[in-house]
Amino acid sequence: MKFYRIFRQNLIALCIMLCSLNVVADSVDAHTYIGSLTAELQQALQDGLEQDLLKDDAYLDKVIDELILPHIDQEYLSRRVFHPRWDDIAEANKADLAQDAVISSLRRTYRVALNAYNGQTIDIGKSRDKPAFSVVRVKVHTNNNAHLMDFALRQTEGEWRVFDLSVDGVVFSKTLNGSIRRNLESDDVDSVINAITPDET
């Protein structure tokens, strides 16, 4: 969990810059989609940084709910997080609850990430295009080094949706899935769902 916390706080911030504008999938490929988002979002976050808006939780939640979450394939990501128990969750009619838990986790993660933005620069690398999905590589420059981020996208209802990402080879959904591995073995579906919701203390 310590590694996951560092991973999400220091690096996942850049995911936000790449998932927040609506681009029709039929008109662009995945590489163009990611490239078109980068410049505008980087400027938007820079403006927020300069105006000290990134410290306001209400503002951050508004940005997350309006600009970020609609561009993530939420159900598919939830399936990956709760694998191999998703079918059990669906059969118990708790798929919506499970997805809400994933989205709540994302919202907490992104709130921290947006607040931590400090003017990083981004370069768009190559795209690996497959029949079912594409992966676009992004290089994130920091003060001391650079990190490689891979964004997995697929077309859903005519639009690109980000369904996973990795940072320096560490996959977001697999990291969260691994953090609840013990809970996934439980017979109690509610325990499985609640495993990704930390106690608020």
C-alpha atoms as a PDB file:
ATOM      1  CA  MET A   1       0.000   0.000   0.000  1.00  0.00           C
ATOM      2  CA  LYS A   2       2.876   2.382   0.649  1.00  0.00           C
ATOM      3  CA  PHE A   3       4.103   2.026  -2.915  1.00  0.00           C
ATOM      4  CA  TYR A   4       0.567   2.501  -4.244  1.00  0.00           C
ATOM      5  CA  ARG A   5       0.164   5.687  -2.179  1.00  0.00           C
ATOM      6  CA  ILE A   6       3.416   7.136  -3.534  1.00  0.00           C
ATOM      7  CA  PHE A   7       2.493   6.004  -7.035  1.00  0.00           C
ATOM      8  CA  ARG A   8      -0.887   7.716  -6.980  1.00  0.00           C
ATOM      9  CA  GLN A   9       0.202  10.925  -5.234  1.00  0.00           C
ATOM     10  CA  ASN A  10       3.288  11.728  -7.280  1.00  0.00           C
ATOM     11  CA  LEU A  11       2.610  10.409 -10.741  1.00  0.00           C
ATOM     12  CA  ILE A  12      -1.054   9.851 -11.500  1.00  0.00           C
ATOM     13  CA  ALA A  13      -1.587  13.599 -11.551  1.00  0.00           C
ATOM     14  CA  LEU A  14      -0.600  13.564 -15.194  1.00  0.00           C
ATOM     15  CA  CYS A  15      -3.416  11.187 -16.064  1.00  0.00           C
ATOM     16  CA  ILE A  16      -5.795  14.010 -15.284  1.00  0.00           C
ATOM     17  CA  MET A  17      -4.274  16.207 -17.927  1.00  0.00           C
ATOM     18  CA  LEU A  18      -4.948  13.557 -20.533  1.00  0.00           C
ATOM     19  CA  CYS A  19      -8.513  12.497 -19.728  1.00  0.00           C
ATOM     20  CA  SER A  20     -10.543  15.667 -19.502  1.00  0.00           C
ATOM     21  CA  LEU A  21     -11.746  16.851 -22.906  1.00  0.00           C
ATOM     22  CA  ASN A  22     -14.263  15.325 -25.290  1.00  0.00           C
ATOM     23  CA  VAL A  23     -12.771  14.211 -28.624  1.00  0.00           C
ATOM     24  CA  VAL A  24     -14.866  12.109 -31.009  1.00  0.00           C
ATOM     25  CA  ALA A  25     -13.168   8.769 -31.623  1.00  0.00           C
ATOM     26  CA  ASP A  26     -14.297   8.466 -35.228  1.00  0.00           C
ATOM     27  CA  SER A  27     -12.410  11.637 -36.186  1.00  0.00           C
ATOM     28  CA  VAL A  28      -9.032  10.956 -34.562  1.00  0.00           C
ATOM     29  CA  ASP A  29      -6.773   8.087 -33.592  1.00  0.00           C
ATOM     30  CA  ALA A  30      -5.672   7.437 -30.020  1.00  0.00           C
ATOM     31  CA  HIS A  31      -2.356   9.247 -30.444  1.00  0.00           C
ATOM     32  CA  THR A  32      -4.059  12.364 -31.778  1.00  0.00           C
ATOM     33  CA  TYR A  33      -6.642  12.175 -29.007  1.00  0.00           C
ATOM     34  CA  ILE A  34      -3.999  12.162 -26.281  1.00  0.00           C
ATOM     35  CA  GLY A  35      -1.977  14.841 -28.046  1.00  0.00           C
ATOM     36  CA  SER A  36      -4.983  17.142 -28.409  1.00  0.00           C
ATOM     37  CA  LEU A  37      -5.696  16.939 -24.690  1.00  0.00           C
ATOM     38  CA  THR A  38      -2.208  17.562 -23.422  1.00  0.00           C
ATOM     39  CA  ALA A  39      -1.611  21.208 -24.382  1.00  0.00           C
ATOM     40  CA  GLU A  40      -5.037  22.448 -23.276  1.00  0.00           C
ATOM     41  CA  LEU A  41      -5.082  20.568 -19.989  1.00  0.00           C
ATOM     42  CA  GLN A  42      -1.522  21.490 -19.160  1.00  0.00           C
ATOM     43  CA  GLN A  43      -2.457  25.150 -19.629  1.00  0.00           C
ATOM     44  CA  ALA A  44      -5.648  24.736 -17.587  1.00  0.00           C
ATOM     45  CA  LEU A  45      -3.785  23.164 -14.677  1.00  0.00           C
ATOM     46  CA  GLN A  46      -1.078  25.817 -14.903  1.00  0.00           C
ATOM     47  CA  ASP A  47      -3.775  28.509 -14.687  1.00  0.00           C
ATOM     48  CA  GLY A  48      -5.273  26.753 -11.669  1.00  0.00           C
ATOM     49  CA  LEU A  49      -1.853  26.538 -10.058  1.00  0.00           C
ATOM     50  CA  GLU A  50      -1.208  30.252 -10.543  1.00  0.00           C
ATOM     51  CA  GLN A  51      -4.631  31.200  -9.174  1.00  0.00           C
ATOM     52  CA  ASP A  52      -4.258  28.819  -6.192  1.00  0.00           C
ATOM     53  CA  LEU A  53      -7.427  26.957  -7.226  1.00  0.00           C
ATOM     54  CA  LEU A  54      -5.826  23.543  -6.910  1.00  0.00           C
ATOM     55  CA  LYS A  55      -6.015  23.771  -3.104  1.00  0.00           C
ATOM     56  CA  ASP A  56      -9.815  24.089  -3.077  1.00  0.00           C
ATOM     57  CA  ASP A  57     -11.463  20.646  -2.677  1.00  0.00           C
ATOM     58  CA  ALA A  58     -14.820  21.901  -3.983  1.00  0.00           C
ATOM     59  CA  TYR A  59     -13.137  23.193  -7.129  1.00  0.00           C
ATOM     60  CA  LEU A  60     -11.153  19.989  -7.535  1.00  0.00           C
ATOM     61  CA  ASP A  61     -14.270  17.834  -7.184  1.00  0.00           C
ATOM     62  CA  LYS A  62     -16.045  19.955  -9.799  1.00  0.00           C
ATOM     63  CA  VAL A  63     -13.143  19.473 -12.206  1.00  0.00           C
ATOM     64  CA  ILE A  64     -13.030  15.738 -11.496  1.00  0.00           C
ATOM     65  CA  ASP A  65     -16.768  15.153 -11.861  1.00  0.00           C
ATOM     66  CA  GLU A  66     -17.242  17.305 -14.955  1.00  0.00           C
ATOM     67  CA  LEU A  67     -13.995  16.882 -16.876  1.00  0.00           C
ATOM     68  CA  ILE A  68     -12.333  13.651 -15.820  1.00  0.00           C
ATOM     69  CA  LEU A  69     -14.749  10.903 -14.853  1.00  0.00           C
ATOM     70  CA  PRO A  70     -16.907  11.148 -17.986  1.00  0.00           C
ATOM     71  CA  HIS A  71     -13.859  10.236 -20.089  1.00  0.00           C
ATOM     72  CA  ILE A  72     -12.918   7.099 -18.191  1.00  0.00           C
ATOM     73  CA  ASP A  73     -14.429   3.719 -19.048  1.00  0.00           C
ATOM     74  CA  GLN A  74     -15.694   3.314 -15.520  1.00  0.00           C
ATOM     75  CA  GLU A  75     -17.385  -0.069 -15.803  1.00  0.00           C
ATOM     76  CA  TYR A  76     -14.459  -1.688 -17.588  1.00  0.00           C
ATOM     77  CA  LEU A  77     -11.995  -0.297 -15.074  1.00  0.00           C
ATOM     78  CA  SER A  78     -14.182  -1.615 -12.243  1.00  0.00           C
ATOM     79  CA  ARG A  79     -14.168  -5.061 -13.802  1.00  0.00           C
ATOM     80  CA  ARG A  80     -10.376  -4.997 -13.857  1.00  0.00           C
ATOM     81  CA  VAL A  81     -10.100  -3.790 -10.267  1.00  0.00           C
ATOM     82  CA  PHE A  82     -12.455  -6.469  -8.918  1.00  0.00           C
ATOM     83  CA  HIS A  83     -11.237  -9.338 -11.109  1.00  0.00           C
ATOM     84  CA  PRO A  84     -11.994 -12.253 -10.689  1.00  0.00           C
ATOM     85  CA  ARG A  85     -15.041 -11.426  -8.533  1.00  0.00           C
ATOM     86  CA  TRP A  86     -16.916  -9.135 -10.905  1.00  0.00           C
ATOM     87  CA  ASP A  87     -19.380 -11.843 -11.984  1.00  0.00           C
ATOM     88  CA  ASP A  88     -20.177 -12.578  -8.331  1.00  0.00           C
ATOM     89  CA  ILE A  89     -20.722  -8.880  -7.711  1.00  0.00           C
ATOM     90  CA  ALA A  90     -23.014  -8.590 -10.733  1.00  0.00           C
ATOM     91  CA  GLU A  91     -25.009 -11.673  -9.719  1.00  0.00           C
ATOM     92  CA  ALA A  92     -25.559 -10.090  -6.301  1.00  0.00           C
ATOM     93  CA  ASN A  93     -26.947  -6.994  -8.069  1.00  0.00           C
ATOM     94  CA  LYS A  94     -24.168  -4.866  -6.601  1.00  0.00           C
ATOM     95  CA  ALA A  95     -22.320  -3.845  -9.747  1.00  0.00           C
ATOM     96  CA  ASP A  96     -23.397  -0.223  -9.308  1.00  0.00           C
ATOM     97  CA  LEU A  97     -22.137  -0.188  -5.713  1.00  0.00           C
ATOM     98  CA  ALA A  98     -18.826  -1.676  -6.799  1.00  0.00           C
ATOM     99  CA  GLN A  99     -18.440   0.866  -9.569  1.00  0.00           C
ATOM    100  CA  ASP A 100     -19.292   3.690  -7.162  1.00  0.00           C
ATOM    101  CA  ALA A 101     -16.540   2.418  -4.843  1.00  0.00           C
ATOM    102  CA  VAL A 102     -14.017   2.490  -7.689  1.00  0.00           C
ATOM    103  CA  ILE A 103     -15.097   5.979  -8.714  1.00  0.00           C
ATOM    104  CA  SER A 104     -14.857   7.187  -5.115  1.00  0.00           C
ATOM    105  CA  SER A 105     -11.334   5.804  -4.983  1.00  0.00           C
ATOM    106  CA  LEU A 106     -10.507   7.570  -8.232  1.00  0.00           C
ATOM    107  CA  ARG A 107     -11.968  10.821  -6.947  1.00  0.00           C
ATOM    108  CA  ARG A 108      -9.815  10.668  -3.794  1.00  0.00           C
ATOM    109  CA  THR A 109      -6.774   9.835  -5.893  1.00  0.00           C
ATOM    110  CA  TYR A 110      -7.363  12.601  -8.406  1.00  0.00           C
ATOM    111  CA  ARG A 111      -8.059  15.208  -5.725  1.00  0.00           C
ATOM    112  CA  VAL A 112      -4.615  14.553  -4.256  1.00  0.00           C
ATOM    113  CA  ALA A 113      -3.075  14.403  -7.711  1.00  0.00           C
ATOM    114  CA  LEU A 114      -4.532  17.695  -8.915  1.00  0.00           C
ATOM    115  CA  ASN A 115      -3.437  19.412  -5.728  1.00  0.00           C
ATOM    116  CA  ALA A 116       0.093  18.064  -6.282  1.00  0.00           C
ATOM    117  CA  TYR A 117       0.442  19.427  -9.821  1.00  0.00           C
ATOM    118  CA  ASN A 118       3.509  21.684 -10.000  1.00  0.00           C
ATOM    119  CA  GLY A 119       4.061  22.478 -13.653  1.00  0.00           C
ATOM    120  CA  GLN A 120       5.417  19.236 -15.093  1.00  0.00           C
ATOM    121  CA  THR A 121       6.030  19.107 -18.858  1.00  0.00           C
ATOM    122  CA  ILE A 122       4.844  16.290 -21.092  1.00  0.00           C
ATOM    123  CA  ASP A 123       5.973  14.742 -24.373  1.00  0.00           C
ATOM    124  CA  ILE A 124       3.707  12.459 -26.403  1.00  0.00           C
ATOM    125  CA  GLY A 125       5.476   9.325 -27.585  1.00  0.00           C
ATOM    126  CA  LYS A 126       4.504   6.482 -29.868  1.00  0.00           C
ATOM    127  CA  SER A 127       1.163   4.718 -30.016  1.00  0.00           C
ATOM    128  CA  ARG A 128       0.683   0.947 -30.116  1.00  0.00           C
ATOM    129  CA  ASP A 129      -2.553   0.330 -31.950  1.00  0.00           C
ATOM    130  CA  LYS A 130      -4.338  -3.008 -31.692  1.00  0.00           C
ATOM    131  CA  PRO A 131      -7.759  -4.040 -33.019  1.00  0.00           C
ATOM    132  CA  ALA A 132      -9.491  -3.714 -29.644  1.00  0.00           C
ATOM    133  CA  PHE A 133      -7.518  -0.901 -28.017  1.00  0.00           C
ATOM    134  CA  SER A 134      -4.544   1.429 -28.273  1.00  0.00           C
ATOM    135  CA  VAL A 135      -1.762   2.324 -25.865  1.00  0.00           C
ATOM    136  CA  VAL A 136      -0.192   5.775 -26.035  1.00  0.00           C
ATOM    137  CA  ARG A 137       3.118   6.411 -24.302  1.00  0.00           C
ATOM    138  CA  VAL A 138       3.745   9.738 -22.592  1.00  0.00           C
ATOM    139  CA  LYS A 139       6.994  10.974 -21.055  1.00  0.00           C
ATOM    140  CA  VAL A 140       6.512  13.094 -17.964  1.00  0.00           C
ATOM    141  CA  HIS A 141       9.453  15.312 -17.091  1.00  0.00           C
ATOM    142  CA  THR A 142      10.086  16.226 -13.456  1.00  0.00           C
ATOM    143  CA  ASN A 143      12.826  18.287 -11.845  1.00  0.00           C
ATOM    144  CA  ASN A 144      15.143  15.312 -11.437  1.00  0.00           C
ATOM    145  CA  ASN A 145      14.152  12.737 -14.057  1.00  0.00           C
ATOM    146  CA  ALA A 146      11.353  11.534 -16.314  1.00  0.00           C
ATOM    147  CA  HIS A 147       8.624   8.920 -16.004  1.00  0.00           C
ATOM    148  CA  LEU A 148       7.014   6.825 -18.720  1.00  0.00           C
ATOM    149  CA  MET A 149       3.237   6.627 -18.643  1.00  0.00           C
ATOM    150  CA  ASP A 150       1.205   4.309 -20.872  1.00  0.00           C
ATOM    151  CA  PHE A 151      -2.471   5.142 -21.410  1.00  0.00           C
ATOM    152  CA  ALA A 152      -4.745   2.324 -22.542  1.00  0.00           C
ATOM    153  CA  LEU A 153      -7.727   3.548 -24.538  1.00  0.00           C
ATOM    154  CA  ARG A 154     -10.570   1.970 -26.434  1.00  0.00           C
ATOM    155  CA  GLN A 155     -13.539   3.268 -28.370  1.00  0.00           C
ATOM    156  CA  THR A 156     -16.831   3.142 -26.484  1.00  0.00           C
ATOM    157  CA  GLU A 157     -20.030   4.445 -28.068  1.00  0.00           C
ATOM    158  CA  GLY A 158     -18.092   6.450 -30.628  1.00  0.00           C
ATOM    159  CA  GLU A 159     -15.664   8.112 -28.213  1.00  0.00           C
ATOM    160  CA  TRP A 160     -12.270   7.289 -26.788  1.00  0.00           C
ATOM    161  CA  ARG A 161     -12.247   6.179 -23.160  1.00  0.00           C
ATOM    162  CA  VAL A 162      -9.225   5.628 -20.932  1.00  0.00           C
ATOM    163  CA  PHE A 163      -9.652   2.270 -19.218  1.00  0.00           C
ATOM    164  CA  ASP A 164      -6.239   1.918 -17.540  1.00  0.00           C
ATOM    165  CA  LEU A 165      -2.791   3.419 -17.223  1.00  0.00           C
ATOM    166  CA  SER A 166       0.664   2.454 -16.050  1.00  0.00           C
ATOM    167  CA  VAL A 167       3.568   4.468 -14.693  1.00  0.00           C
ATOM    168  CA  ASP A 168       7.051   3.103 -15.263  1.00  0.00           C
ATOM    169  CA  GLY A 169       5.475  -0.291 -15.885  1.00  0.00           C
ATOM    170  CA  VAL A 170       3.223  -0.295 -12.812  1.00  0.00           C
ATOM    171  CA  VAL A 171      -0.420  -0.761 -13.897  1.00  0.00           C
ATOM    172  CA  PHE A 172      -3.039   1.196 -11.954  1.00  0.00           C
ATOM    173  CA  SER A 173      -5.819  -1.417 -11.951  1.00  0.00           C
ATOM    174  CA  LYS A 174      -3.441  -4.258 -11.120  1.00  0.00           C
ATOM    175  CA  THR A 175      -1.969  -2.266  -8.246  1.00  0.00           C
ATOM    176  CA  LEU A 176      -5.396  -1.588  -6.752  1.00  0.00           C
ATOM    177  CA  ASN A 177      -6.483  -5.169  -7.424  1.00  0.00           C
ATOM    178  CA  GLY A 178      -3.371  -6.478  -5.707  1.00  0.00           C
ATOM    179  CA  SER A 179      -3.950  -4.282  -2.674  1.00  0.00           C
ATOM    180  CA  ILE A 180      -7.295  -6.048  -2.049  1.00  0.00           C
ATOM    181  CA  ARG A 181      -6.179  -9.544  -3.061  1.00  0.00           C
ATOM    182  CA  ARG A 182      -6.932 -11.047   0.341  1.00  0.00           C
ATOM    183  CA  ASN A 183     -10.416  -9.526   0.382  1.00  0.00           C
ATOM    184  CA  LEU A 184     -11.153 -10.896  -3.078  1.00  0.00           C
ATOM    185  CA  GLU A 185     -11.070 -14.382  -1.573  1.00  0.00           C
ATOM    186  CA  SER A 186     -13.889 -13.547   0.830  1.00  0.00           C
ATOM    187  CA  ASP A 187     -17.351 -15.069   0.380  1.00  0.00           C
ATOM    188  CA  ASP A 188     -18.854 -11.749   1.446  1.00  0.00           C
ATOM    189  CA  VAL A 189     -19.366  -9.589  -1.646  1.00  0.00           C
ATOM    190  CA  ASP A 190     -19.821  -6.479   0.494  1.00  0.00           C
ATOM    191  CA  SER A 191     -16.399  -7.046   2.049  1.00  0.00           C
ATOM    192  CA  VAL A 192     -14.908  -7.260  -1.430  1.00  0.00           C
ATOM    193  CA  ILE A 193     -16.497  -3.977  -2.471  1.00  0.00           C
ATOM    194  CA  ASN A 194     -15.656  -2.173   0.763  1.00  0.00           C
ATOM    195  CA  ALA A 195     -12.017  -3.243   0.575  1.00  0.00           C
ATOM    196  CA  ILE A 196     -11.094  -0.315  -1.668  1.00  0.00           C
ATOM    197  CA  THR A 197     -12.777   2.192   0.631  1.00  0.00           C
ATOM    198  CA  PRO A 198     -10.344   3.161   3.383  1.00  0.00           C
ATOM    199  CA  ASP A 199     -11.536   4.036   6.851  1.00  0.00           C
ATOM    200  CA  GLU A 200     -11.823   7.813   7.216  1.00  0.00           C
ATOM    201  CA  THR A 201      -9.842   8.527  10.370  1.00  0.00           C
END
